[in-house]
């Protein structure tokens, strides 16, 4: 959103990029979006990617199982939850991949 005021003032894209310490390509994309949709078009839509497939009730169950520790779920070699282990636990308990 810091780029919108300079857009309104007619500041050149390379100057905005230098000031914000971003690439000129990004500023050109923002400028194009701003021209077509205004300030609201540049507003963040939150993180990208897929939404969580586990509802609140299942997320609570998963948190409980994670709190039980790794040994309770068959990992005795070390006690560090990794993304791969959490993914495996979700697959075992919820039959989701």
PDB file of N, CA and C in Angstrom:
ATOM      1  N   UNK A   1       0.820  -1.197   0.000  1.00  0.00           N
ATOM      2  CA  UNK A   1       0.000   0.000   0.000  1.00  0.00           C
ATOM      3  C   UNK A   1       0.863   1.261   0.000  1.00  0.00           C
ATOM      4  N   UNK A   2       2.143   1.131   0.355  1.00  0.00           N
ATOM      5  CA  UNK A   2       3.017   2.296   0.359  1.00  0.00           C
ATOM      6  C   UNK A   2       3.284   2.807  -1.052  1.00  0.00           C
ATOM      7  N   UNK A   3       2.987   2.000  -2.051  1.00  0.00           N
ATOM      8  CA  UNK A   3       3.228   2.424  -3.429  1.00  0.00           C
ATOM      9  C   UNK A   3       2.079   3.264  -3.985  1.00  0.00           C
ATOM     10  N   UNK A   4       0.923   3.238  -3.358  1.00  0.00           N
ATOM     11  CA  UNK A   4      -0.246   3.925  -3.916  1.00  0.00           C
ATOM     12  C   UNK A   4      -0.062   5.441  -3.925  1.00  0.00           C
ATOM     13  N   UNK A   5       0.418   6.024  -2.845  1.00  0.00           N
ATOM     14  CA  UNK A   5       0.595   7.479  -2.809  1.00  0.00           C
ATOM     15  C   UNK A   5       1.557   7.968  -3.893  1.00  0.00           C
ATOM     16  N   UNK A   6       2.710   7.295  -4.076  1.00  0.00           N
ATOM     17  CA  UNK A   6       3.567   7.711  -5.198  1.00  0.00           C
ATOM     18  C   UNK A   6       2.896   7.536  -6.561  1.00  0.00           C
ATOM     19  N   UNK A   7       2.055   6.501  -6.717  1.00  0.00           N
ATOM     20  CA  UNK A   7       1.325   6.349  -7.980  1.00  0.00           C
ATOM     21  C   UNK A   7       0.448   7.574  -8.196  1.00  0.00           C
ATOM     22  N   UNK A   8      -0.274   7.985  -7.142  1.00  0.00           N
ATOM     23  CA  UNK A   8      -1.145   9.169  -7.240  1.00  0.00           C
ATOM     24  C   UNK A   8      -0.350  10.416  -7.599  1.00  0.00           C
ATOM     25  N   UNK A   9       0.876  10.501  -7.059  1.00  0.00           N
ATOM     26  CA  UNK A   9       1.703  11.684  -7.278  1.00  0.00           C
ATOM     27  C   UNK A   9       2.434  11.649  -8.615  1.00  0.00           C
ATOM     28  N   UNK A  10       2.353  10.533  -9.335  1.00  0.00           N
ATOM     29  CA  UNK A  10       2.999  10.437 -10.638  1.00  0.00           C
ATOM     30  C   UNK A  10       4.487  10.141 -10.579  1.00  0.00           C
ATOM     31  N   UNK A  11       4.959   9.590  -9.475  1.00  0.00           N
ATOM     32  CA  UNK A  11       6.376   9.251  -9.345  1.00  0.00           C
ATOM     33  C   UNK A  11       6.693   8.097 -10.286  1.00  0.00           C
ATOM     34  N   UNK A  12       7.870   8.145 -10.890  1.00  0.00           N
ATOM     35  CA  UNK A  12       8.293   7.114 -11.844  1.00  0.00           C
ATOM     36  C   UNK A  12       8.507   5.776 -11.134  1.00  0.00           C
ATOM     37  N   UNK A  13       8.207   4.693 -11.853  1.00  0.00           N
ATOM     38  CA  UNK A  13       8.306   3.340 -11.304  1.00  0.00           C
ATOM     39  C   UNK A  13       9.709   3.025 -10.766  1.00  0.00           C
ATOM     40  N   UNK A  14      10.796   3.339 -11.488  1.00  0.00           N
ATOM     41  CA  UNK A  14      12.117   3.011 -10.938  1.00  0.00           C
ATOM     42  C   UNK A  14      12.395   3.699  -9.597  1.00  0.00           C
ATOM     43  N   UNK A  15      11.887   4.908  -9.431  1.00  0.00           N
ATOM     44  CA  UNK A  15      12.079   5.621  -8.156  1.00  0.00           C
ATOM     45  C   UNK A  15      11.313   4.931  -7.025  1.00  0.00           C
ATOM     46  N   UNK A  16      10.103   4.490  -7.322  1.00  0.00           N
ATOM     47  CA  UNK A  16       9.297   3.790  -6.319  1.00  0.00           C
ATOM     48  C   UNK A  16       9.976   2.476  -5.946  1.00  0.00           C
ATOM     49  N   UNK A  17      10.466   1.752  -6.943  1.00  0.00           N
ATOM     50  CA  UNK A  17      11.136   0.470  -6.683  1.00  0.00           C
ATOM     51  C   UNK A  17      12.355   0.669  -5.795  1.00  0.00           C
ATOM     52  N   UNK A  18      13.141   1.692  -6.096  1.00  0.00           N
ATOM     53  CA  UNK A  18      14.328   1.981  -5.273  1.00  0.00           C
ATOM     54  C   UNK A  18      13.930   2.336  -3.846  1.00  0.00           C
ATOM     55  N   UNK A  19      12.917   3.168  -3.709  1.00  0.00           N
ATOM     56  CA  UNK A  19      12.458   3.607  -2.378  1.00  0.00           C
ATOM     57  C   UNK A  19      11.939   2.437  -1.550  1.00  0.00           C
ATOM     58  N   UNK A  20      11.183   1.545  -2.179  1.00  0.00           N
ATOM     59  CA  UNK A  20      10.590   0.409  -1.457  1.00  0.00           C
ATOM     60  C   UNK A  20      11.505  -0.816  -1.425  1.00  0.00           C
ATOM     61  N   UNK A  21      12.627  -0.736  -2.149  1.00  0.00           N
ATOM     62  CA  UNK A  21      13.611  -1.820  -2.202  1.00  0.00           C
ATOM     63  C   UNK A  21      12.992  -3.117  -2.731  1.00  0.00           C
ATOM     64  N   UNK A  22      12.285  -2.975  -3.854  1.00  0.00           N
ATOM     65  CA  UNK A  22      11.677  -4.112  -4.544  1.00  0.00           C
ATOM     66  C   UNK A  22      12.054  -4.009  -6.019  1.00  0.00           C
ATOM     67  N   UNK A  23      11.722  -5.034  -6.782  1.00  0.00           N
ATOM     68  CA  UNK A  23      12.046  -5.016  -8.209  1.00  0.00           C
ATOM     69  C   UNK A  23      11.096  -4.084  -8.967  1.00  0.00           C
ATOM     70  N   UNK A  24      11.603  -3.555 -10.053  1.00  0.00           N
ATOM     71  CA  UNK A  24      10.766  -2.706 -10.898  1.00  0.00           C
ATOM     72  C   UNK A  24       9.605  -3.510 -11.466  1.00  0.00           C
ATOM     73  N   UNK A  25       9.851  -4.784 -11.777  1.00  0.00           N
ATOM     74  CA  UNK A  25       8.797  -5.646 -12.317  1.00  0.00           C
ATOM     75  C   UNK A  25       7.611  -5.695 -11.355  1.00  0.00           C
ATOM     76  N   UNK A  26       7.892  -5.836 -10.047  1.00  0.00           N
ATOM     77  CA  UNK A  26       6.811  -5.867  -9.054  1.00  0.00           C
ATOM     78  C   UNK A  26       6.028  -4.563  -9.065  1.00  0.00           C
ATOM     79  N   UNK A  27       6.741  -3.444  -9.113  1.00  0.00           N
ATOM     80  CA  UNK A  27       6.072  -2.142  -9.098  1.00  0.00           C
ATOM     81  C   UNK A  27       5.228  -1.958 -10.357  1.00  0.00           C
ATOM     82  N   UNK A  28       5.734  -2.402 -11.506  1.00  0.00           N
ATOM     83  CA  UNK A  28       4.934  -2.316 -12.736  1.00  0.00           C
ATOM     84  C   UNK A  28       3.652  -3.141 -12.606  1.00  0.00           C
ATOM     85  N   UNK A  29       3.760  -4.335 -11.999  1.00  0.00           N
ATOM     86  CA  UNK A  29       2.562  -5.162 -11.794  1.00  0.00           C
ATOM     87  C   UNK A  29       1.589  -4.478 -10.848  1.00  0.00           C
ATOM     88  N   UNK A  30       2.099  -3.897  -9.759  1.00  0.00           N
ATOM     89  CA  UNK A  30       1.235  -3.187  -8.812  1.00  0.00           C
ATOM     90  C   UNK A  30       0.563  -2.005  -9.506  1.00  0.00           C
ATOM     91  N   UNK A  31       1.346  -1.290 -10.317  1.00  0.00           N
ATOM     92  CA  UNK A  31       0.813  -0.107 -10.992  1.00  0.00           C
ATOM     93  C   UNK A  31      -0.318  -0.494 -11.938  1.00  0.00           C
ATOM     94  N   UNK A  32      -0.120  -1.583 -12.686  1.00  0.00           N
ATOM     95  CA  UNK A  32      -1.166  -2.065 -13.598  1.00  0.00           C
ATOM     96  C   UNK A  32      -2.426  -2.439 -12.814  1.00  0.00           C
ATOM     97  N   UNK A  33      -2.246  -3.141 -11.696  1.00  0.00           N
ATOM     98  CA  UNK A  33      -3.382  -3.529 -10.852  1.00  0.00           C
ATOM     99  C   UNK A  33      -4.063  -2.297 -10.281  1.00  0.00           C
ATOM    100  N   UNK A  34      -3.294  -1.324  -9.831  1.00  0.00           N
ATOM    101  CA  UNK A  34      -3.830  -0.091  -9.260  1.00  0.00           C
ATOM    102  C   UNK A  34      -4.628   0.693 -10.304  1.00  0.00           C
ATOM    103  N   UNK A  35      -4.107   0.756 -11.548  1.00  0.00           N
ATOM    104  CA  UNK A  35      -4.815   1.485 -12.608  1.00  0.00           C
ATOM    105  C   UNK A  35      -6.179   0.869 -12.900  1.00  0.00           C
ATOM    106  N   UNK A  36      -6.265  -0.456 -12.872  1.00  0.00           N
ATOM    107  CA  UNK A  36      -7.530  -1.106 -13.226  1.00  0.00           C
ATOM    108  C   UNK A  36      -8.497  -1.217 -12.057  1.00  0.00           C
ATOM    109  N   UNK A  37      -7.968  -1.342 -10.818  1.00  0.00           N
ATOM    110  CA  UNK A  37      -8.867  -1.576  -9.690  1.00  0.00           C
ATOM    111  C   UNK A  37      -8.735  -0.633  -8.520  1.00  0.00           C
ATOM    112  N   UNK A  38      -7.815   0.313  -8.601  1.00  0.00           N
ATOM    113  CA  UNK A  38      -7.641   1.262  -7.509  1.00  0.00           C
ATOM    114  C   UNK A  38      -6.962   0.656  -6.297  1.00  0.00           C
ATOM    115  N   UNK A  39      -7.018   1.396  -5.211  1.00  0.00           N
ATOM    116  CA  UNK A  39      -6.360   1.005  -3.960  1.00  0.00           C
ATOM    117  C   UNK A  39      -6.856  -0.356  -3.456  1.00  0.00           C
ATOM    118  N   UNK A  40      -8.138  -0.622  -3.576  1.00  0.00           N
ATOM    119  CA  UNK A  40      -8.701  -1.882  -3.071  1.00  0.00           C
ATOM    120  C   UNK A  40      -8.137  -3.103  -3.791  1.00  0.00           C
ATOM    121  N   UNK A  41      -7.792  -2.938  -5.063  1.00  0.00           N
ATOM    122  CA  UNK A  41      -7.250  -4.063  -5.828  1.00  0.00           C
ATOM    123  C   UNK A  41      -5.885  -4.494  -5.305  1.00  0.00           C
ATOM    124  N   UNK A  42      -5.175  -3.589  -4.629  1.00  0.00           N
ATOM    125  CA  UNK A  42      -3.851  -3.906  -4.093  1.00  0.00           C
ATOM    126  C   UNK A  42      -3.906  -4.458  -2.671  1.00  0.00           C
ATOM    127  N   UNK A  43      -5.073  -4.459  -2.076  1.00  0.00           N
ATOM    128  CA  UNK A  43      -5.205  -4.950  -0.704  1.00  0.00           C
ATOM    129  C   UNK A  43      -4.893  -6.440  -0.639  1.00  0.00           C
ATOM    130  N   UNK A  44      -4.216  -6.863   0.403  1.00  0.00           N
ATOM    131  CA  UNK A  44      -3.835  -8.262   0.572  1.00  0.00           C
ATOM    132  C   UNK A  44      -5.065  -9.153   0.688  1.00  0.00           C
ATOM    133  N   UNK A  45      -4.993 -10.307   0.074  1.00  0.00           N
ATOM    134  CA  UNK A  45      -6.066 -11.295   0.165  1.00  0.00           C
ATOM    135  C   UNK A  45      -5.687 -12.406   1.128  1.00  0.00           C
ATOM    136  N   UNK A  46      -4.620 -12.232   1.885  1.00  0.00           N
ATOM    137  CA  UNK A  46      -4.159 -13.247   2.822  1.00  0.00           C
ATOM    138  C   UNK A  46      -3.214 -14.216   2.144  1.00  0.00           C
ATOM    139  N   UNK A  47      -2.803 -15.217   2.868  1.00  0.00           N
ATOM    140  CA  UNK A  47      -1.842 -16.157   2.297  1.00  0.00           C
ATOM    141  C   UNK A  47      -2.458 -16.961   1.158  1.00  0.00           C
ATOM    142  N   UNK A  48      -1.628 -17.273   0.173  1.00  0.00           N
ATOM    143  CA  UNK A  48      -2.123 -18.071  -0.946  1.00  0.00           C
ATOM    144  C   UNK A  48      -1.987 -19.555  -0.612  1.00  0.00           C
ATOM    145  N   UNK A  49      -2.476 -20.377  -1.466  1.00  0.00           N
ATOM    146  CA  UNK A  49      -2.394 -21.811  -1.261  1.00  0.00           C
ATOM    147  C   UNK A  49      -3.745 -22.388  -0.906  1.00  0.00           C
ATOM    148  N   UNK A  50      -3.740 -23.652  -0.632  1.00  0.00           N
ATOM    149  CA  UNK A  50      -4.978 -24.346  -0.307  1.00  0.00           C
ATOM    150  C   UNK A  50      -5.411 -24.051   1.121  1.00  0.00           C
ATOM    151  N   UNK A  51      -6.704 -24.043   1.333  1.00  0.00           N
ATOM    152  CA  UNK A  51      -7.230 -23.906   2.678  1.00  0.00           C
ATOM    153  C   UNK A  51      -7.055 -25.228   3.426  1.00  0.00           C
ATOM    154  N   UNK A  52      -7.165 -25.178   4.708  1.00  0.00           N
ATOM    155  CA  UNK A  52      -7.018 -26.374   5.525  1.00  0.00           C
ATOM    156  C   UNK A  52      -8.214 -27.293   5.291  1.00  0.00           C
ATOM    157  N   UNK A  53      -7.924 -28.577   5.098  1.00  0.00           N
ATOM    158  CA  UNK A  53      -8.996 -29.543   4.863  1.00  0.00           C
ATOM    159  C   UNK A  53      -9.544 -30.094   6.168  1.00  0.00           C
ATOM    160  N   UNK A  54      -8.928 -29.731   7.286  1.00  0.00           N
ATOM    161  CA  UNK A  54      -9.402 -30.188   8.595  1.00  0.00           C
ATOM    162  C   UNK A  54     -10.249 -29.099   9.226  1.00  0.00           C
ATOM    163  N   UNK A  55     -11.451 -29.449   9.609  1.00  0.00           N
ATOM    164  CA  UNK A  55     -12.308 -28.493  10.304  1.00  0.00           C
ATOM    165  C   UNK A  55     -11.791 -28.237  11.720  1.00  0.00           C
ATOM    166  N   UNK A  56     -12.393 -27.291  12.432  1.00  0.00           N
ATOM    167  CA  UNK A  56     -11.937 -26.952  13.782  1.00  0.00           C
ATOM    168  C   UNK A  56     -11.916 -28.154  14.734  1.00  0.00           C
ATOM    169  N   UNK A  57     -12.917 -29.018  14.644  1.00  0.00           N
ATOM    170  CA  UNK A  57     -12.984 -30.177  15.531  1.00  0.00           C
ATOM    171  C   UNK A  57     -11.804 -31.122  15.267  1.00  0.00           C
ATOM    172  N   UNK A  58     -11.496 -31.351  13.998  1.00  0.00           N
ATOM    173  CA  UNK A  58     -10.382 -32.227  13.647  1.00  0.00           C
ATOM    174  C   UNK A  58      -9.037 -31.584  13.961  1.00  0.00           C
ATOM    175  N   UNK A  59      -8.942 -30.276  13.842  1.00  0.00           N
ATOM    176  CA  UNK A  59      -7.711 -29.580  14.214  1.00  0.00           C
ATOM    177  C   UNK A  59      -7.444 -29.721  15.710  1.00  0.00           C
ATOM    178  N   UNK A  60      -8.510 -29.693  16.508  1.00  0.00           N
ATOM    179  CA  UNK A  60      -8.375 -29.890  17.958  1.00  0.00           C
ATOM    180  C   UNK A  60      -7.860 -31.292  18.252  1.00  0.00           C
ATOM    181  N   UNK A  61      -8.405 -32.289  17.554  1.00  0.00           N
ATOM    182  CA  UNK A  61      -7.942 -33.669  17.734  1.00  0.00           C
ATOM    183  C   UNK A  61      -6.468 -33.798  17.349  1.00  0.00           C
ATOM    184  N   UNK A  62      -6.081 -33.180  16.231  1.00  0.00           N
ATOM    185  CA  UNK A  62      -4.695 -33.237  15.788  1.00  0.00           C
ATOM    186  C   UNK A  62      -3.775 -32.601  16.822  1.00  0.00           C
ATOM    187  N   UNK A  63      -4.162 -31.461  17.366  1.00  0.00           N
ATOM    188  CA  UNK A  63      -3.352 -30.797  18.398  1.00  0.00           C
ATOM    189  C   UNK A  63      -3.181 -31.700  19.614  1.00  0.00           C
ATOM    190  N   UNK A  64      -4.234 -32.405  19.982  1.00  0.00           N
ATOM    191  CA  UNK A  64      -4.160 -33.320  21.118  1.00  0.00           C
ATOM    192  C   UNK A  64      -3.150 -34.437  20.823  1.00  0.00           C
ATOM    193  N   UNK A  65      -3.208 -35.007  19.632  1.00  0.00           N
ATOM    194  CA  UNK A  65      -2.277 -36.079  19.267  1.00  0.00           C
ATOM    195  C   UNK A  65      -0.838 -35.572  19.198  1.00  0.00           C
ATOM    196  N   UNK A  66      -0.652 -34.355  18.713  1.00  0.00           N
ATOM    197  CA  UNK A  66       0.698 -33.794  18.675  1.00  0.00           C
ATOM    198  C   UNK A  66       1.240 -33.576  20.082  1.00  0.00           C
ATOM    199  N   UNK A  67       0.368 -33.174  21.000  1.00  0.00           N
ATOM    200  CA  UNK A  67       0.779 -32.971  22.396  1.00  0.00           C
ATOM    201  C   UNK A  67       1.173 -34.273  23.074  1.00  0.00           C
ATOM    202  N   UNK A  68       0.619 -35.383  22.604  1.00  0.00           N
ATOM    203  CA  UNK A  68       0.967 -36.679  23.181  1.00  0.00           C
ATOM    204  C   UNK A  68       2.426 -37.040  22.931  1.00  0.00           C
ATOM    205  N   UNK A  69       3.005 -36.474  21.914  1.00  0.00           N
ATOM    206  CA  UNK A  69       4.407 -36.718  21.602  1.00  0.00           C
ATOM    207  C   UNK A  69       4.588 -37.764  20.527  1.00  0.00           C
ATOM    208  N   UNK A  70       5.799 -37.819  20.029  1.00  0.00           N
ATOM    209  CA  UNK A  70       6.115 -38.729  18.935  1.00  0.00           C
ATOM    210  C   UNK A  70       6.114 -40.185  19.350  1.00  0.00           C
ATOM    211  N   UNK A  71       6.598 -40.476  20.538  1.00  0.00           N
ATOM    212  CA  UNK A  71       6.687 -41.869  20.981  1.00  0.00           C
ATOM    213  C   UNK A  71       5.310 -42.523  21.018  1.00  0.00           C
ATOM    214  N   UNK A  72       4.301 -41.764  21.354  1.00  0.00           N
ATOM    215  CA  UNK A  72       2.941 -42.300  21.413  1.00  0.00           C
ATOM    216  C   UNK A  72       2.431 -42.711  20.034  1.00  0.00           C
ATOM    217  N   UNK A  73       3.095 -42.229  18.997  1.00  0.00           N
ATOM    218  CA  UNK A  73       2.641 -42.518  17.635  1.00  0.00           C
ATOM    219  C   UNK A  73       3.670 -43.315  16.836  1.00  0.00           C
ATOM    220  N   UNK A  74       4.648 -43.887  17.531  1.00  0.00           N
ATOM    221  CA  UNK A  74       5.561 -44.815  16.875  1.00  0.00           C
ATOM    222  C   UNK A  74       6.918 -44.280  16.480  1.00  0.00           C
ATOM    223  N   UNK A  75       7.237 -43.035  16.787  1.00  0.00           N
ATOM    224  CA  UNK A  75       8.568 -42.499  16.476  1.00  0.00           C
ATOM    225  C   UNK A  75       9.350 -42.401  17.776  1.00  0.00           C
ATOM    226  N   UNK A  76      10.285 -43.311  17.969  1.00  0.00           N
ATOM    227  CA  UNK A  76      11.037 -43.339  19.218  1.00  0.00           C
ATOM    228  C   UNK A  76      12.475 -42.847  19.041  1.00  0.00           C
ATOM    229  N   UNK A  77      12.933 -42.683  17.796  1.00  0.00           N
ATOM    230  CA  UNK A  77      14.333 -42.331  17.565  1.00  0.00           C
ATOM    231  C   UNK A  77      14.682 -40.917  18.024  1.00  0.00           C
ATOM    232  N   UNK A  78      13.835 -39.949  17.802  1.00  0.00           N
ATOM    233  CA  UNK A  78      14.030 -38.603  18.350  1.00  0.00           C
ATOM    234  C   UNK A  78      12.656 -37.980  18.594  1.00  0.00           C
ATOM    235  N   UNK A  79      12.641 -36.865  19.234  1.00  0.00           N
ATOM    236  CA  UNK A  79      11.370 -36.265  19.642  1.00  0.00           C
ATOM    237  C   UNK A  79      11.140 -34.917  18.955  1.00  0.00           C
ATOM    238  N   UNK A  80      11.281 -34.914  17.645  1.00  0.00           N
ATOM    239  CA  UNK A  80      11.090 -33.686  16.870  1.00  0.00           C
ATOM    240  C   UNK A  80       9.989 -33.913  15.840  1.00  0.00           C
ATOM    241  N   UNK A  81       8.917 -33.107  15.951  1.00  0.00           N
ATOM    242  CA  UNK A  81       7.872 -33.166  14.942  1.00  0.00           C
ATOM    243  C   UNK A  81       8.391 -32.476  13.678  1.00  0.00           C
ATOM    244  N   UNK A  82       8.336 -33.152  12.572  1.00  0.00           N
ATOM    245  CA  UNK A  82       8.691 -32.565  11.283  1.00  0.00           C
ATOM    246  C   UNK A  82       7.421 -32.501  10.434  1.00  0.00           C
ATOM    247  N   UNK A  83       7.486 -31.734   9.365  1.00  0.00           N
ATOM    248  CA  UNK A  83       6.320 -31.636   8.477  1.00  0.00           C
ATOM    249  C   UNK A  83       5.960 -33.011   7.921  1.00  0.00           C
ATOM    250  N   UNK A  84       6.971 -33.806   7.595  1.00  0.00           N
ATOM    251  CA  UNK A  84       6.707 -35.142   7.052  1.00  0.00           C
ATOM    252  C   UNK A  84       6.007 -36.023   8.080  1.00  0.00           C
ATOM    253  N   UNK A  85       6.404 -35.927   9.340  1.00  0.00           N
ATOM    254  CA  UNK A  85       5.777 -36.746  10.385  1.00  0.00           C
ATOM    255  C   UNK A  85       4.345 -36.290  10.656  1.00  0.00           C
ATOM    256  N   UNK A  86       4.127 -34.998  10.660  1.00  0.00           N
ATOM    257  CA  UNK A  86       2.763 -34.489  10.862  1.00  0.00           C
ATOM    258  C   UNK A  86       1.884 -34.941   9.705  1.00  0.00           C
ATOM    259  N   UNK A  87       2.425 -34.875   8.486  1.00  0.00           N
ATOM    260  CA  UNK A  87       1.679 -35.336   7.309  1.00  0.00           C
ATOM    261  C   UNK A  87       1.337 -36.825   7.437  1.00  0.00           C
ATOM    262  N   UNK A  88       2.298 -37.624   7.911  1.00  0.00           N
ATOM    263  CA  UNK A  88       2.054 -39.055   8.107  1.00  0.00           C
ATOM    264  C   UNK A  88       0.989 -39.285   9.159  1.00  0.00           C
ATOM    265  N   UNK A  89       1.054 -38.537  10.266  1.00  0.00           N
ATOM    266  CA  UNK A  89       0.056 -38.669  11.333  1.00  0.00           C
ATOM    267  C   UNK A  89      -1.340 -38.313  10.817  1.00  0.00           C
ATOM    268  N   UNK A  90      -1.447 -37.254  10.059  1.00  0.00           N
ATOM    269  CA  UNK A  90      -2.740 -36.859   9.481  1.00  0.00           C
ATOM    270  C   UNK A  90      -3.248 -37.963   8.557  1.00  0.00           C
ATOM    271  N   UNK A  91      -2.359 -38.531   7.773  1.00  0.00           N
ATOM    272  CA  UNK A  91      -2.759 -39.622   6.881  1.00  0.00           C
ATOM    273  C   UNK A  91      -3.259 -40.833   7.647  1.00  0.00           C
ATOM    274  N   UNK A  92      -2.565 -41.185   8.734  1.00  0.00           N
ATOM    275  CA  UNK A  92      -2.957 -42.343   9.527  1.00  0.00           C
ATOM    276  C   UNK A  92      -4.288 -42.124  10.240  1.00  0.00           C
ATOM    277  N   UNK A  93      -4.464 -40.961  10.819  1.00  0.00           N
ATOM    278  CA  UNK A  93      -5.644 -40.703  11.652  1.00  0.00           C
ATOM    279  C   UNK A  93      -6.883 -40.284  10.855  1.00  0.00           C
ATOM    280  N   UNK A  94      -6.690 -39.487   9.822  1.00  0.00           N
ATOM    281  CA  UNK A  94      -7.827 -38.926   9.091  1.00  0.00           C
ATOM    282  C   UNK A  94      -7.976 -39.501   7.687  1.00  0.00           C
ATOM    283  N   UNK A  95      -7.025 -40.308   7.256  1.00  0.00           N
ATOM    284  CA  UNK A  95      -7.032 -40.905   5.916  1.00  0.00           C
ATOM    285  C   UNK A  95      -7.075 -39.829   4.828  1.00  0.00           C
ATOM    286  N   UNK A  96      -6.274 -38.792   5.046  1.00  0.00           N
ATOM    287  CA  UNK A  96      -6.123 -37.689   4.081  1.00  0.00           C
ATOM    288  C   UNK A  96      -4.660 -37.626   3.669  1.00  0.00           C
ATOM    289  N   UNK A  97      -4.427 -37.209   2.455  1.00  0.00           N
ATOM    290  CA  UNK A  97      -3.036 -37.016   2.025  1.00  0.00           C
ATOM    291  C   UNK A  97      -2.811 -35.558   1.689  1.00  0.00           C
TER     292      UNK A  97
END
